[in-house]
Amino acid sequence: MHELSVVENIINIATEMVQSHHATSVDAIELEIGELAGIDLSALEFAWDVSVHDTVLEHAERKINRMNGRALCLVCNNEFDIGQYFDPCPHCGSFRKEILGGNEMKVKRITLT
């Protein structure tokens, strides 16, 4: 379950922010997770619940924004939503595409106290 290492990295980012801004904890954290990022949200929630105790995120409000997968067909230039990397272009059926978004995983905002 790589979601545990993802949560550990988020804890490290939040801890560094708290220390560098001389704060005491995190009041809220907002994450952006792309649909193509390979993150299972239920596994992430479980990993979060078991990992944040006694950290700066223990009492933080968590918000997760799920980002749609987007691609550009390299055959017909159609831009379209995708749920998986191997989805074909709905216009021409080609599998040749450029991923435009939806594979990101980032901390968008941290509110410190």
C-alpha atoms as a PDB file:
ATOM      1  CA  MET A   1       0.000   0.000   0.000  1.00  0.00           C
ATOM      2  CA  HIS A   2       1.922   3.030  -1.244  1.00  0.00           C
ATOM      3  CA  GLU A   3      -0.745   5.316   0.228  1.00  0.00           C
ATOM      4  CA  LEU A   4       1.059   4.982   3.574  1.00  0.00           C
ATOM      5  CA  SER A   5       4.245   6.461   2.095  1.00  0.00           C
ATOM      6  CA  VAL A   6       2.160   9.202   0.454  1.00  0.00           C
ATOM      7  CA  VAL A   7       0.685  10.130   3.849  1.00  0.00           C
ATOM      8  CA  GLU A   8       4.148  10.056   5.439  1.00  0.00           C
ATOM      9  CA  ASN A   9       5.372  12.492   2.766  1.00  0.00           C
ATOM     10  CA  ILE A  10       2.385  14.779   3.419  1.00  0.00           C
ATOM     11  CA  ILE A  11       3.171  14.699   7.150  1.00  0.00           C
ATOM     12  CA  ASN A  12       6.786  15.650   6.370  1.00  0.00           C
ATOM     13  CA  ILE A  13       5.687  18.543   4.150  1.00  0.00           C
ATOM     14  CA  ALA A  14       3.273  19.816   6.808  1.00  0.00           C
ATOM     15  CA  THR A  15       5.882  19.476   9.570  1.00  0.00           C
ATOM     16  CA  GLU A  16       8.423  21.464   7.534  1.00  0.00           C
ATOM     17  CA  MET A  17       5.826  24.191   6.910  1.00  0.00           C
ATOM     18  CA  VAL A  18       4.952  24.397  10.610  1.00  0.00           C
ATOM     19  CA  GLN A  19       8.621  24.632  11.591  1.00  0.00           C
ATOM     20  CA  SER A  20       9.586  27.158   8.941  1.00  0.00           C
ATOM     21  CA  HIS A  21       6.674  29.449   9.875  1.00  0.00           C
ATOM     22  CA  HIS A  22       7.100  28.998  13.644  1.00  0.00           C
ATOM     23  CA  ALA A  23       3.552  27.656  13.963  1.00  0.00           C
ATOM     24  CA  THR A  24       2.326  24.944  16.306  1.00  0.00           C
ATOM     25  CA  SER A  25       0.062  22.818  14.118  1.00  0.00           C
ATOM     26  CA  VAL A  26      -1.998  22.603  10.946  1.00  0.00           C
ATOM     27  CA  ASP A  27      -5.597  23.778  11.082  1.00  0.00           C
ATOM     28  CA  ALA A  28      -6.512  22.606   7.564  1.00  0.00           C
ATOM     29  CA  ILE A  29      -4.884  20.922   4.593  1.00  0.00           C
ATOM     30  CA  GLU A  30      -6.152  20.728   1.024  1.00  0.00           C
ATOM     31  CA  LEU A  31      -4.900  18.073  -1.387  1.00  0.00           C
ATOM     32  CA  GLU A  32      -5.315  17.668  -5.139  1.00  0.00           C
ATOM     33  CA  ILE A  33      -5.292  14.067  -6.296  1.00  0.00           C
ATOM     34  CA  GLY A  34      -5.680  13.201  -9.951  1.00  0.00           C
ATOM     35  CA  GLU A  35      -7.832  10.320 -11.014  1.00  0.00           C
ATOM     36  CA  LEU A  36      -4.808   8.874 -12.841  1.00  0.00           C
ATOM     37  CA  ALA A  37      -2.434   9.243  -9.854  1.00  0.00           C
ATOM     38  CA  GLY A  38      -2.949   5.649  -8.751  1.00  0.00           C
ATOM     39  CA  ILE A  39      -4.185   6.638  -5.293  1.00  0.00           C
ATOM     40  CA  ASP A  40      -6.967   4.581  -3.714  1.00  0.00           C
ATOM     41  CA  LEU A  41      -8.894   7.116  -1.614  1.00  0.00           C
ATOM     42  CA  SER A  42     -10.148   4.549   0.912  1.00  0.00           C
ATOM     43  CA  ALA A  43      -6.585   3.253   1.409  1.00  0.00           C
ATOM     44  CA  LEU A  44      -5.369   6.850   1.739  1.00  0.00           C
ATOM     45  CA  GLU A  45      -8.018   7.557   4.378  1.00  0.00           C
ATOM     46  CA  PHE A  46      -7.031   4.425   6.323  1.00  0.00           C
ATOM     47  CA  ALA A  47      -3.328   5.320   6.107  1.00  0.00           C
ATOM     48  CA  TRP A  48      -4.150   8.885   7.185  1.00  0.00           C
ATOM     49  CA  ASP A  49      -6.134   7.720  10.225  1.00  0.00           C
ATOM     50  CA  VAL A  50      -3.335   5.474  11.483  1.00  0.00           C
ATOM     51  CA  SER A  51      -0.474   7.877  10.684  1.00  0.00           C
ATOM     52  CA  VAL A  52      -1.380  11.389  11.820  1.00  0.00           C
ATOM     53  CA  HIS A  53      -1.622  10.731  15.568  1.00  0.00           C
ATOM     54  CA  ASP A  54       0.895  12.858  17.490  1.00  0.00           C
ATOM     55  CA  THR A  55       1.790  14.852  14.364  1.00  0.00           C
ATOM     56  CA  VAL A  56       1.051  18.415  13.269  1.00  0.00           C
ATOM     57  CA  LEU A  57      -1.861  17.011  11.232  1.00  0.00           C
ATOM     58  CA  GLU A  58      -3.604  15.211  14.086  1.00  0.00           C
ATOM     59  CA  HIS A  59      -6.464  17.721  14.349  1.00  0.00           C
ATOM     60  CA  ALA A  60      -6.292  19.193  10.852  1.00  0.00           C
ATOM     61  CA  GLU A  61      -9.351  19.377   8.670  1.00  0.00           C
ATOM     62  CA  ARG A  62      -8.592  17.490   5.457  1.00  0.00           C
ATOM     63  CA  LYS A  63     -10.076  18.345   2.069  1.00  0.00           C
ATOM     64  CA  ILE A  64      -9.372  16.283  -1.036  1.00  0.00           C
ATOM     65  CA  ASN A  65     -10.096  17.627  -4.513  1.00  0.00           C
ATOM     66  CA  ARG A  66     -10.270  14.855  -7.092  1.00  0.00           C
ATOM     67  CA  MET A  67      -8.932  15.998 -10.489  1.00  0.00           C
ATOM     68  CA  ASN A  68     -10.301  14.486 -13.709  1.00  0.00           C
ATOM     69  CA  GLY A  69      -7.970  12.757 -16.135  1.00  0.00           C
ATOM     70  CA  ARG A  70      -7.589  14.702 -19.403  1.00  0.00           C
ATOM     71  CA  ALA A  71      -5.925  13.690 -22.644  1.00  0.00           C
ATOM     72  CA  LEU A  72      -5.320  15.005 -26.150  1.00  0.00           C
ATOM     73  CA  CYS A  73      -5.666  12.565 -29.023  1.00  0.00           C
ATOM     74  CA  LEU A  74      -2.532  12.664 -31.188  1.00  0.00           C
ATOM     75  CA  VAL A  75      -4.494  11.523 -34.236  1.00  0.00           C
ATOM     76  CA  CYS A  76      -7.551  13.804 -34.339  1.00  0.00           C
ATOM     77  CA  ASN A  77      -6.608  16.502 -31.746  1.00  0.00           C
ATOM     78  CA  ASN A  78      -9.729  15.779 -29.682  1.00  0.00           C
ATOM     79  CA  GLU A  79      -9.346  16.706 -25.994  1.00  0.00           C
ATOM     80  CA  PHE A  80     -11.252  14.349 -23.693  1.00  0.00           C
ATOM     81  CA  ASP A  81     -11.715  13.034 -20.135  1.00  0.00           C
ATOM     82  CA  ILE A  82     -10.148   9.681 -19.271  1.00  0.00           C
ATOM     83  CA  GLY A  83     -10.561   7.468 -16.240  1.00  0.00           C
ATOM     84  CA  GLN A  84      -7.636   5.175 -17.037  1.00  0.00           C
ATOM     85  CA  TYR A  85      -4.423   5.532 -19.020  1.00  0.00           C
ATOM     86  CA  PHE A  86      -5.514   3.024 -21.654  1.00  0.00           C
ATOM     87  CA  ASP A  87      -8.858   4.669 -22.503  1.00  0.00           C
ATOM     88  CA  PRO A  88      -9.154   5.331 -26.265  1.00  0.00           C
ATOM     89  CA  CYS A  89     -10.200   8.593 -27.853  1.00  0.00           C
ATOM     90  CA  PRO A  90     -14.010   8.659 -27.886  1.00  0.00           C
ATOM     91  CA  HIS A  91     -13.973  10.494 -31.231  1.00  0.00           C
ATOM     92  CA  CYS A  92     -11.681   8.339 -33.398  1.00  0.00           C
ATOM     93  CA  GLY A  93     -10.869   5.311 -31.196  1.00  0.00           C
ATOM     94  CA  SER A  94      -7.101   5.891 -31.248  1.00  0.00           C
ATOM     95  CA  PHE A  95      -4.978   4.952 -28.246  1.00  0.00           C
ATOM     96  CA  ARG A  96      -2.302   7.513 -29.190  1.00  0.00           C
ATOM     97  CA  LYS A  97      -2.694  10.357 -26.751  1.00  0.00           C
ATOM     98  CA  GLU A  98      -0.891  12.889 -24.604  1.00  0.00           C
ATOM     99  CA  ILE A  99      -1.904  13.058 -20.941  1.00  0.00           C
ATOM    100  CA  LEU A 100      -2.812  16.664 -20.093  1.00  0.00           C
ATOM    101  CA  GLY A 101      -3.815  16.251 -16.461  1.00  0.00           C
ATOM    102  CA  GLY A 102      -5.209  14.029 -13.770  1.00  0.00           C
ATOM    103  CA  ASN A 103      -1.951  12.378 -12.745  1.00  0.00           C
ATOM    104  CA  GLU A 104      -1.047  14.983 -10.130  1.00  0.00           C
ATOM    105  CA  MET A 105      -0.826  14.515  -6.382  1.00  0.00           C
ATOM    106  CA  LYS A 106      -0.032  17.692  -4.493  1.00  0.00           C
ATOM    107  CA  VAL A 107      -0.593  19.669  -1.348  1.00  0.00           C
ATOM    108  CA  LYS A 108      -2.543  22.685  -2.588  1.00  0.00           C
ATOM    109  CA  ARG A 109      -3.018  24.620   0.636  1.00  0.00           C
ATOM    110  CA  ILE A 110      -2.012  24.406   4.302  1.00  0.00           C
ATOM    111  CA  THR A 111      -3.548  26.610   6.986  1.00  0.00           C
ATOM    112  CA  LEU A 112      -1.285  26.914  10.038  1.00  0.00           C
ATOM    113  CA  THR A 113      -2.120  27.747  13.640  1.00  0.00           C
END
